Amino acid sequence: MDICALYPNIKIDVALMAVRDALNKNSEYNDKEKDAIISVLSYTLKNSVVHYRGEWFQSAEGAPTGNPEVPSVANIFVKYVVDQKILPHPDVYFLNKMSHRARFLDDIWGIWGGSQESFILFLEKVNCVGKEFGVTFTGDCGTSVEFLDVTTRLENGSVETTMYVKPTDSTRYLDRRSYHSRHTFRGMPYSQFRRAAAICSSIDDREYHVQRMEQKFVDSGFKREDLKDARDKALALDRMELLSARAKKADNKEVLTCVINYDPDLKRELNQFFKDHEQELQRALGDVNLVVSERRHANTSSLLFKKRGFSQKAMPSLNDQRCSSKRCKTRSTMNLDKTVLVNGKLVKLDFRCNCSTESVIYVAICKICCVQNHMNVNNFYFGQTVNSLMSRCNGHRDKFKPDRFDQSALSMHVMDSHIEEFGSKLENFDFGIVKSVSPMDLDRAEDCLIYSTKADIVGLNRYKVSR
């Protein structure tokens, strides 16, 4: 059984009830802490936004896909609805012939003890009750069913299992040439072969899937001779022993982890140091387990393209944002300080840029409004241009004409509020460059400033210009 489109159909109020129920049963938080968790969770779930084609949209229903807390909330939601609302319902309870039920998020597996007709009736009743909570199930009852990476089938009165691989699964593994710890490359093939040994009840199926994975490892750069030991070790395992639960050894020692960037030599030296000075370390730190853990280095693309210090051209900070061209008409309007107060928010300007810098986010502030009323918050405008601000201002300047003024928010503002100064054009404004970004990030950067300063509500970005 599977829930159709789980995230878009989650009812937030029901999900919050489910989370509170889980907190009451499985946590030691006090009532104030529980209320705080529910309050924060309610805010994040009900106020998710998405940016699409220059406009912001708020989610009207369902849980936002991509939020880090949503998978956990969805898991709690499904358990609450299924276990406490649907299955105990009188219309469903007496029709339920499912045993050995297992669930992973919205996927449910079980053994049905009735006919296919009785399962269809059961599913209909489940969906009738589930509609109240926004969930609709699809399901199938037969002699073979897929659940996660396992196919379960009935053969000659017994249950057989084998690995399930989706037709679209390319089964790609970590490239052997990548810079990872040696134990990663040793352990990965064995863990995958061991998985096949545990899942496949048939020896033929087990060998088939191990051979299939072995070839995929070879395709990823592993040497076949290095895979032989892992394959032989996995195929020699006792499946029943693998499936039986093992009691974990009790170890009450505190673990102290030393985290380093991946370096085999340094890790070996640290482990040897801990071993040689075990008694001194125990006297200093107490009875603890010292563990050396490695993390990966930052990859090259992150260093070169995601770090601003590498991705931006190094430019000295200037005293103003005027370019050196004496013919530039925009120079005289570049009069803003390094920090500008916009609707109660401080906006820093990048004084490494000037009016000839390309691909920029800029701000324009009406000087007339500032003189008339320093508290006026309707006098600012944020814009973007893939070209230089000099070229963009030429476009704005061209719109200060009776038949074109509605094609620029700046000319519309002057026409509406300061018509007597319409002939002064852009001399009515002071300009500044907020920052220079890559062309693909212009929309996002502009929208962020407009949203944070409410420029589309109280600023000049509220004007709807004609194209």
Protein backbone atom coordinates (compact mmCIF):
# COMPACT_ATOMS: atom_id res chain seq x y z
CA MET A 1 0.00 0.00 0.00
CA ASP A 2 1.17 3.48 -0.83
CA ILE A 3 -0.16 6.98 -0.09
CA CYS A 4 -0.78 9.08 -3.19
CA ALA A 5 1.15 12.39 -3.21
CA LEU A 6 1.82 12.42 0.52
CA TYR A 7 3.51 15.81 0.95
CA PRO A 8 0.97 17.94 -1.01
CA ASN A 9 -1.93 16.29 0.85
CA ILE A 10 -0.65 16.55 4.43
CA LYS A 11 -3.06 18.59 6.52
CA ILE A 12 -0.84 20.81 8.62
CA ASP A 13 -3.22 20.96 11.61
CA VAL A 14 -3.43 17.15 11.71
CA ALA A 15 0.36 16.91 11.37
CA LEU A 16 0.81 19.25 14.35
CA MET A 17 -1.62 17.12 16.36
CA ALA A 18 0.44 14.06 15.44
CA VAL A 19 3.70 15.71 16.49
CA ARG A 20 2.21 16.80 19.82
CA ASP A 21 0.94 13.26 20.39
CA ALA A 22 4.43 11.89 19.66
CA LEU A 23 6.02 14.41 22.04
CA ASN A 24 3.57 13.46 24.78
CA LYS A 25 4.31 9.74 24.40
CA ASN A 26 7.98 9.66 23.52
CA SER A 27 9.71 12.66 25.05
CA GLU A 28 10.51 14.19 28.41
CA TYR A 29 9.94 17.80 27.36
CA ASN A 30 7.82 19.94 29.64
CA ASP A 31 4.64 21.64 28.39
CA LYS A 32 6.38 24.95 27.61
CA GLU A 33 9.04 23.21 25.55
CA LYS A 34 6.41 21.22 23.67
CA ASP A 35 4.42 24.39 22.95
CA ALA A 36 7.58 26.06 21.65
CA ILE A 37 8.37 23.13 19.32
CA ILE A 38 4.81 23.12 17.96
CA SER A 39 4.83 26.90 17.52
CA VAL A 40 8.09 26.92 15.55
CA LEU A 41 7.03 23.91 13.50
CA SER A 42 3.66 25.52 12.71
CA TYR A 43 5.40 28.67 11.50
CA THR A 44 7.82 26.83 9.20
CA LEU A 45 5.14 24.57 7.72
CA LYS A 46 2.58 27.33 7.11
CA ASN A 47 4.93 30.00 5.77
CA SER A 48 6.95 28.29 3.07
CA VAL A 49 7.41 30.31 -0.11
CA VAL A 50 8.58 29.56 -3.64
CA HIS A 51 9.97 31.91 -6.27
CA TYR A 52 8.72 31.43 -9.83
CA ARG A 53 9.22 33.73 -12.82
CA GLY A 54 9.91 36.82 -10.78
CA GLU A 55 7.06 36.35 -8.31
CA TRP A 56 6.82 34.89 -4.79
CA PHE A 57 4.12 32.38 -3.91
CA GLN A 58 3.15 31.11 -0.47
CA SER A 59 2.18 27.47 -0.02
CA ALA A 60 -1.59 27.22 0.46
CA GLU A 61 -1.84 23.56 1.43
CA GLY A 62 0.30 20.52 2.08
CA ALA A 63 3.80 20.30 3.50
CA PRO A 64 6.63 22.07 1.62
CA THR A 65 8.87 19.64 -0.24
CA GLY A 66 12.52 20.28 0.55
CA ASN A 67 12.15 21.58 4.09
CA PRO A 68 14.52 19.57 6.31
CA GLU A 69 11.92 18.88 9.00
CA VAL A 70 9.20 17.65 6.63
CA PRO A 71 10.32 13.98 6.24
CA SER A 72 10.22 13.51 10.03
CA VAL A 73 6.87 15.28 10.27
CA ALA A 74 5.48 13.18 7.42
CA ASN A 75 6.63 9.98 9.11
CA ILE A 76 4.95 10.97 12.39
CA PHE A 77 1.84 12.08 10.49
CA VAL A 78 1.43 8.75 8.67
CA LYS A 79 1.94 6.70 11.84
CA TYR A 80 -0.60 8.83 13.72
CA VAL A 81 -3.25 8.71 10.98
CA VAL A 82 -2.84 5.01 10.18
CA ASP A 83 -2.42 3.62 13.70
CA GLN A 84 -4.74 5.91 15.63
CA LYS A 85 -7.36 7.12 13.18
CA ILE A 86 -7.84 4.74 10.24
CA LEU A 87 -7.17 1.18 11.41
CA PRO A 88 -9.09 1.50 14.74
CA HIS A 89 -12.12 2.99 12.95
CA PRO A 90 -15.16 0.66 13.19
CA ASP A 91 -15.66 0.64 9.40
CA VAL A 92 -12.08 -0.58 8.91
CA TYR A 93 -11.21 -2.54 12.03
CA PHE A 94 -13.45 -5.57 11.36
CA LEU A 95 -12.31 -5.80 7.71
CA ASN A 96 -8.60 -5.71 8.52
CA LYS A 97 -6.95 -9.10 7.84
CA MET A 98 -3.41 -7.78 7.53
CA SER A 99 -0.66 -9.25 9.70
CA HIS A 100 3.09 -8.72 10.04
CA ARG A 101 2.61 -5.13 8.94
CA ALA A 102 5.72 -3.03 8.21
CA ARG A 103 5.96 0.59 7.12
CA PHE A 104 8.58 2.93 5.68
CA LEU A 105 7.23 6.49 5.54
CA ASP A 106 4.20 6.14 3.20
CA ASP A 107 4.90 2.58 1.98
CA ILE A 108 3.13 -0.24 3.88
CA TRP A 109 3.79 -3.96 3.52
CA GLY A 110 1.95 -6.84 5.14
CA ILE A 111 0.52 -10.33 4.72
CA TRP A 112 -3.17 -10.38 3.81
CA GLY A 113 -5.14 -13.27 5.25
CA GLY A 114 -8.19 -12.93 3.01
CA SER A 115 -9.20 -12.89 -0.62
CA GLN A 116 -8.41 -10.18 -3.16
CA GLU A 117 -12.06 -9.09 -3.06
CA SER A 118 -11.88 -8.57 0.70
CA PHE A 119 -8.68 -6.55 0.29
CA ILE A 120 -10.36 -4.27 -2.28
CA LEU A 121 -13.26 -3.68 0.12
CA PHE A 122 -10.82 -3.02 2.96
CA LEU A 123 -8.92 -0.50 0.80
CA GLU A 124 -12.16 1.30 -0.11
CA LYS A 125 -13.08 1.70 3.55
CA VAL A 126 -9.55 2.83 4.41
CA ASN A 127 -9.79 5.58 1.79
CA CYS A 128 -13.27 6.63 2.97
CA VAL A 129 -11.89 7.21 6.46
CA GLY A 130 -8.58 8.58 5.19
CA LYS A 131 -10.20 11.38 3.18
CA GLU A 132 -10.90 13.22 6.40
CA PHE A 133 -7.14 13.40 7.01
CA GLY A 134 -6.09 14.07 3.41
CA VAL A 135 -4.66 10.64 2.61
CA THR A 136 -5.61 8.26 -0.20
CA PHE A 137 -4.05 4.81 -0.51
CA THR A 138 -3.33 2.72 -3.55
CA GLY A 139 -2.54 -0.94 -3.05
CA ASP A 140 -2.15 -4.34 -4.57
CA CYS A 141 -2.71 -7.80 -3.18
CA GLY A 142 -1.08 -10.70 -4.99
CA THR A 143 1.50 -13.45 -4.82
CA SER A 144 4.38 -11.03 -5.45
CA VAL A 145 4.94 -7.49 -4.17
CA GLU A 146 7.83 -5.00 -4.08
CA PHE A 147 8.67 -3.11 -0.90
CA LEU A 148 11.78 -0.88 -0.81
CA ASP A 149 14.62 -3.06 -2.22
CA VAL A 150 12.88 -6.40 -1.56
CA THR A 151 10.53 -8.45 -3.72
CA THR A 152 8.39 -10.84 -1.66
CA ARG A 153 6.59 -13.70 -3.38
CA LEU A 154 4.61 -16.77 -2.38
CA GLU A 155 5.87 -20.00 -3.93
CA ASN A 156 4.52 -23.46 -3.06
CA GLY A 157 3.13 -22.26 0.24
CA SER A 158 6.33 -20.56 1.43
CA VAL A 159 7.59 -16.98 1.38
CA GLU A 160 10.55 -16.27 -0.89
CA THR A 161 12.45 -13.00 -1.14
CA THR A 162 14.85 -11.53 -3.66
CA MET A 163 16.36 -8.14 -4.40
CA TYR A 164 14.20 -5.59 -6.18
CA VAL A 165 15.94 -3.20 -8.58
CA LYS A 166 13.90 -0.50 -10.30
CA PRO A 167 14.15 -0.61 -14.11
CA THR A 168 15.44 2.99 -14.10
CA ASP A 169 18.14 2.32 -11.48
CA SER A 170 21.59 2.70 -13.05
CA THR A 171 23.30 1.19 -9.95
CA ARG A 172 26.30 3.50 -9.86
CA TYR A 173 28.91 3.27 -7.12
CA LEU A 174 31.62 5.60 -5.86
CA ASP A 175 34.40 5.94 -8.42
CA ARG A 176 37.47 4.03 -7.27
CA ARG A 177 39.73 6.89 -8.37
CA SER A 178 38.11 9.35 -5.97
CA TYR A 179 40.03 10.52 -2.91
CA HIS A 180 38.43 8.55 -0.06
CA SER A 181 39.70 6.44 2.80
CA ARG A 182 40.91 2.98 1.85
CA HIS A 183 38.52 1.33 4.28
CA THR A 184 35.64 2.95 2.36
CA PHE A 185 36.61 1.08 -0.81
CA ARG A 186 37.17 -2.14 1.15
CA GLY A 187 33.90 -1.98 3.04
CA MET A 188 31.56 -0.81 0.29
CA PRO A 189 31.67 -3.93 -1.96
CA TYR A 190 31.35 -6.26 1.01
CA SER A 191 28.37 -4.38 2.45
CA GLN A 192 26.56 -4.54 -0.90
CA PHE A 193 27.32 -8.24 -1.41
CA ARG A 194 26.24 -8.90 2.18
CA ARG A 195 22.93 -7.14 1.46
CA ALA A 196 22.25 -9.53 -1.41
CA ALA A 197 23.14 -12.49 0.81
CA ALA A 198 20.66 -11.32 3.45
CA ILE A 199 17.77 -10.49 1.11
CA CYS A 200 17.87 -13.35 -1.41
CA SER A 201 16.39 -16.58 -0.08
CA SER A 202 17.46 -18.46 -3.21
CA ILE A 203 21.12 -19.30 -3.72
CA ASP A 204 20.75 -18.75 -7.49
CA ASP A 205 19.22 -15.27 -6.92
CA ARG A 206 21.98 -14.45 -4.46
CA GLU A 207 24.76 -15.35 -6.88
CA TYR A 208 23.01 -13.53 -9.76
CA HIS A 209 22.71 -10.23 -7.85
CA VAL A 210 26.24 -10.47 -6.45
CA GLN A 211 27.60 -10.95 -9.97
CA ARG A 212 25.48 -8.04 -11.24
CA MET A 213 26.81 -5.73 -8.50
CA GLU A 214 30.36 -6.98 -9.04
CA GLN A 215 30.19 -5.91 -12.67
CA LYS A 216 28.85 -2.49 -11.62
CA PHE A 217 31.80 -2.10 -9.26
CA VAL A 218 34.18 -2.99 -12.10
CA ASP A 219 32.46 -0.35 -14.25
CA SER A 220 33.19 2.14 -11.44
CA GLY A 221 36.92 1.45 -11.54
CA PHE A 222 37.27 -1.37 -9.00
CA LYS A 223 39.62 -4.24 -9.86
CA ARG A 224 37.95 -7.63 -10.08
CA GLU A 225 40.69 -9.31 -8.05
CA ASP A 226 40.10 -6.82 -5.20
CA LEU A 227 36.39 -7.71 -5.22
CA LYS A 228 36.96 -11.48 -5.02
CA ASP A 229 37.60 -11.62 -1.27
CA ALA A 230 34.54 -9.51 -0.48
CA ARG A 231 32.36 -11.62 -2.80
CA ASP A 232 33.55 -14.95 -1.40
CA LYS A 233 33.18 -13.72 2.18
CA ALA A 234 29.60 -12.54 1.56
CA LEU A 235 28.51 -15.72 -0.24
CA ALA A 236 29.86 -17.84 2.61
CA LEU A 237 27.67 -16.08 5.20
CA ASP A 238 24.84 -17.93 6.94
CA ARG A 239 21.66 -16.13 5.90
CA MET A 240 19.69 -17.14 8.99
CA GLU A 241 22.44 -15.78 11.20
CA LEU A 242 22.39 -12.51 9.27
CA LEU A 243 18.63 -12.14 9.75
CA SER A 244 18.67 -12.95 13.45
CA ALA A 245 18.81 -10.04 15.87
CA ARG A 246 22.09 -9.59 17.70
CA ALA A 247 22.37 -8.14 21.15
CA LYS A 248 24.70 -5.17 21.21
CA LYS A 249 27.56 -5.24 23.65
CA ALA A 250 27.03 -2.84 26.50
CA ASP A 251 29.68 -0.12 26.47
CA ASN A 252 29.10 2.73 28.87
CA LYS A 253 32.34 4.49 28.04
CA GLU A 254 32.08 8.02 26.76
CA VAL A 255 33.38 8.46 23.20
CA LEU A 256 35.72 11.36 22.46
CA THR A 257 36.03 11.92 18.72
CA CYS A 258 38.98 13.65 17.09
CA VAL A 259 37.85 14.89 13.65
CA ILE A 260 40.47 15.52 10.96
CA ASN A 261 40.44 16.08 7.22
CA TYR A 262 41.13 12.87 5.33
CA ASP A 263 44.80 12.09 5.78
CA PRO A 264 45.83 8.39 6.11
CA ASP A 265 49.28 9.22 7.52
CA LEU A 266 47.94 11.63 10.15
CA LYS A 267 45.25 9.18 11.23
CA ARG A 268 47.82 6.40 11.63
CA GLU A 269 50.11 8.67 13.65
CA LEU A 270 47.27 9.81 15.93
CA ASN A 271 46.12 6.25 16.61
CA GLN A 272 49.68 5.26 17.43
CA PHE A 273 50.02 8.29 19.72
CA PHE A 274 46.79 7.37 21.55
CA LYS A 275 48.04 3.82 21.97
CA ASP A 276 51.51 4.84 23.22
CA HIS A 277 50.14 7.36 25.72
CA GLU A 278 46.99 5.51 26.75
CA GLN A 279 47.63 5.75 30.52
CA GLU A 280 48.54 9.45 30.47
CA LEU A 281 45.45 10.26 28.38
CA GLN A 282 43.17 8.29 30.70
CA ARG A 283 44.49 10.19 33.71
CA ALA A 284 43.89 13.48 31.90
CA LEU A 285 40.57 12.70 30.19
CA GLY A 286 39.08 9.88 32.24
CA ASP A 287 37.90 6.48 31.06
CA VAL A 288 36.92 7.36 27.47
CA ASN A 289 37.19 5.78 24.04
CA LEU A 290 39.33 7.92 21.74
CA VAL A 291 38.23 7.70 18.11
CA VAL A 292 39.79 9.38 15.06
CA SER A 293 37.19 10.29 12.45
CA GLU A 294 37.96 11.61 8.99
CA ARG A 295 35.94 14.05 6.93
CA ARG A 296 36.34 14.83 3.28
CA HIS A 297 38.20 17.86 2.04
CA ALA A 298 36.30 20.66 0.30
CA ASN A 299 36.06 19.76 -3.37
CA THR A 300 37.64 21.90 -6.05
CA SER A 301 34.39 23.24 -7.44
CA SER A 302 33.34 24.49 -4.01
CA LEU A 303 36.64 26.29 -3.55
CA LEU A 304 36.75 27.85 -7.00
CA PHE A 305 33.13 28.65 -7.76
CA LYS A 306 31.14 28.77 -4.51
CA LYS A 307 33.55 30.74 -2.35
CA ARG A 308 33.11 34.44 -2.95
CA GLY A 309 36.76 35.13 -2.31
CA PHE A 310 37.70 32.96 -5.31
CA SER A 311 34.75 33.62 -7.60
CA GLN A 312 34.84 37.43 -7.49
CA LYS A 313 37.43 39.53 -9.16
CA ALA A 314 39.67 41.25 -6.62
CA MET A 315 39.02 45.01 -6.73
CA PRO A 316 40.10 47.73 -4.31
CA SER A 317 37.44 49.57 -2.33
CA LEU A 318 36.93 53.13 -3.66
CA ASN A 319 35.73 56.32 -2.03
CA ASP A 320 32.65 56.51 -4.28
CA GLN A 321 30.96 54.53 -7.05
CA ARG A 322 31.60 56.94 -9.94
CA CYS A 323 33.32 55.61 -13.04
CA SER A 324 36.22 57.45 -14.67
CA SER A 325 34.40 58.36 -17.87
CA LYS A 326 33.76 62.10 -18.14
CA ARG A 327 31.00 61.47 -20.68
CA CYS A 328 28.99 59.31 -18.28
CA LYS A 329 25.70 61.00 -17.31
CA THR A 330 25.21 58.63 -14.38
CA ARG A 331 28.36 59.76 -12.47
CA SER A 332 26.61 62.79 -11.03
CA THR A 333 23.87 60.63 -9.48
CA MET A 334 26.21 58.22 -7.65
CA ASN A 335 26.02 60.06 -4.33
CA LEU A 336 24.95 57.46 -1.78
CA ASP A 337 27.05 56.55 1.27
CA LYS A 338 28.39 53.04 1.88
CA THR A 339 25.39 52.23 4.08
CA VAL A 340 21.84 53.29 3.23
CA LEU A 341 18.79 53.06 5.50
CA VAL A 342 15.91 51.65 3.44
CA ASN A 343 12.54 51.15 5.16
CA GLY A 344 14.25 50.57 8.49
CA LYS A 345 16.81 48.14 7.02
CA LEU A 346 20.50 48.95 6.56
CA VAL A 347 21.68 48.13 3.05
CA LYS A 348 25.43 48.06 2.41
CA LEU A 349 26.73 49.20 -0.96
CA ASP A 350 29.76 47.60 -2.59
CA PHE A 351 32.26 50.41 -3.16
CA ARG A 352 34.44 48.12 -5.25
CA CYS A 353 31.85 48.66 -8.01
CA ASN A 354 31.15 51.75 -10.11
CA CYS A 355 28.57 52.73 -12.69
CA SER A 356 30.51 50.89 -15.43
CA THR A 357 30.44 47.54 -13.54
CA GLU A 358 28.25 44.97 -15.28
CA SER A 359 25.70 42.52 -13.82
CA VAL A 360 24.70 44.49 -10.74
CA ILE A 361 21.86 45.05 -8.27
CA TYR A 362 21.28 48.78 -7.75
CA VAL A 363 19.18 51.06 -5.55
CA ALA A 364 17.69 54.44 -6.46
CA ILE A 365 16.41 56.91 -3.85
CA CYS A 366 14.28 59.96 -4.68
CA LYS A 367 16.09 63.12 -3.45
CA ILE A 368 12.91 65.21 -3.50
CA CYS A 369 11.08 62.84 -1.15
CA CYS A 370 14.07 62.83 1.20
CA VAL A 371 14.09 66.63 1.38
CA GLN A 372 10.35 66.84 1.91
CA ASN A 373 10.17 64.08 4.49
CA HIS A 374 13.19 62.20 5.85
CA MET A 375 10.88 59.46 7.20
CA ASN A 376 9.31 58.80 3.81
CA VAL A 377 9.69 55.10 2.97
CA ASN A 378 8.08 55.31 -0.48
CA ASN A 379 11.11 56.83 -2.20
CA PHE A 380 13.35 53.83 -2.98
CA TYR A 381 13.64 51.36 -5.84
CA PHE A 382 15.71 48.20 -6.37
CA GLY A 383 16.64 47.06 -9.85
CA GLN A 384 18.99 44.78 -11.72
CA THR A 385 20.88 44.89 -14.97
CA VAL A 386 23.08 42.40 -16.77
CA ASN A 387 24.77 45.40 -18.41
CA SER A 388 26.37 48.33 -16.59
CA LEU A 389 24.35 50.71 -14.42
CA MET A 390 25.39 53.44 -16.86
CA SER A 391 23.55 51.64 -19.68
CA ARG A 392 20.55 50.86 -17.48
CA CYS A 393 20.19 54.49 -16.43
CA ASN A 394 20.21 55.53 -20.08
CA GLY A 395 17.17 53.29 -20.48
CA HIS A 396 15.43 54.86 -17.47
CA ARG A 397 16.31 58.34 -18.73
CA ASP A 398 14.71 57.63 -22.09
CA LYS A 399 11.37 56.95 -20.38
CA PHE A 400 10.99 60.51 -19.06
CA LYS A 401 8.68 61.42 -21.94
CA PRO A 402 4.89 61.96 -21.88
CA ASP A 403 4.26 58.91 -24.07
CA ARG A 404 6.75 56.59 -22.31
CA PHE A 405 6.75 57.47 -18.61
CA ASP A 406 4.68 54.37 -17.74
CA GLN A 407 7.58 52.14 -18.87
CA SER A 408 9.79 52.93 -15.85
CA ALA A 409 8.96 52.96 -12.15
CA LEU A 410 11.23 55.99 -11.67
CA SER A 411 9.53 58.14 -14.28
CA MET A 412 6.10 57.02 -13.03
CA HIS A 413 7.01 58.13 -9.49
CA VAL A 414 8.18 61.57 -10.65
CA MET A 415 5.06 61.98 -12.82
CA ASP A 416 2.79 61.02 -9.89
CA SER A 417 4.52 62.91 -7.06
CA HIS A 418 6.83 65.59 -8.52
CA ILE A 419 5.49 66.46 -11.96
CA GLU A 420 7.06 69.93 -11.80
CA GLU A 421 10.51 68.21 -11.75
CA PHE A 422 9.73 65.80 -14.60
CA GLY A 423 12.22 67.54 -16.88
CA SER A 424 15.10 66.90 -14.48
CA LYS A 425 14.79 63.18 -15.19
CA LEU A 426 17.27 61.04 -13.21
CA GLU A 427 18.78 64.06 -11.48
CA ASN A 428 15.88 63.60 -9.06
CA PHE A 429 17.49 60.38 -7.79
CA ASP A 430 20.65 59.22 -6.06
CA PHE A 431 21.92 55.82 -7.24
CA GLY A 432 24.09 53.19 -5.62
CA ILE A 433 25.28 49.67 -6.47
CA VAL A 434 24.41 47.07 -3.82
CA LYS A 435 26.52 44.30 -5.28
CA SER A 436 27.70 42.59 -8.43
CA VAL A 437 26.55 39.00 -8.96
CA SER A 438 26.64 36.46 -11.76
CA PRO A 439 23.91 36.97 -14.37
CA MET A 440 22.15 33.74 -13.36
CA ASP A 441 21.82 35.06 -9.77
CA LEU A 442 20.39 38.49 -10.61
CA ASP A 443 16.74 37.51 -10.19
CA ARG A 444 17.33 35.82 -6.85
CA ALA A 445 19.44 38.69 -5.44
CA GLU A 446 16.95 41.36 -6.55
CA ASP A 447 13.97 39.41 -5.18
CA CYS A 448 15.73 38.96 -1.85
CA LEU A 449 16.23 42.72 -1.42
CA ILE A 450 12.71 43.55 -2.58
CA TYR A 451 11.24 41.00 -0.20
CA SER A 452 13.33 42.01 2.84
CA THR A 453 12.66 45.75 2.41
CA LYS A 454 9.05 45.38 1.17
CA ALA A 455 9.97 47.46 -1.87
CA ASP A 456 7.07 45.95 -3.82
CA ILE A 457 4.64 47.08 -1.11
CA VAL A 458 5.87 50.46 0.17
CA GLY A 459 8.67 51.26 -2.31
CA LEU A 460 8.71 52.21 -5.97
CA ASN A 461 8.83 48.54 -7.03
CA ARG A 462 5.07 48.57 -6.37
CA TYR A 463 4.58 50.32 -9.74
CA LYS A 464 3.46 48.03 -12.54
CA VAL A 465 5.28 49.26 -15.62
CA SER A 466 4.16 48.77 -19.21
CA ARG A 467 6.34 46.78 -21.57
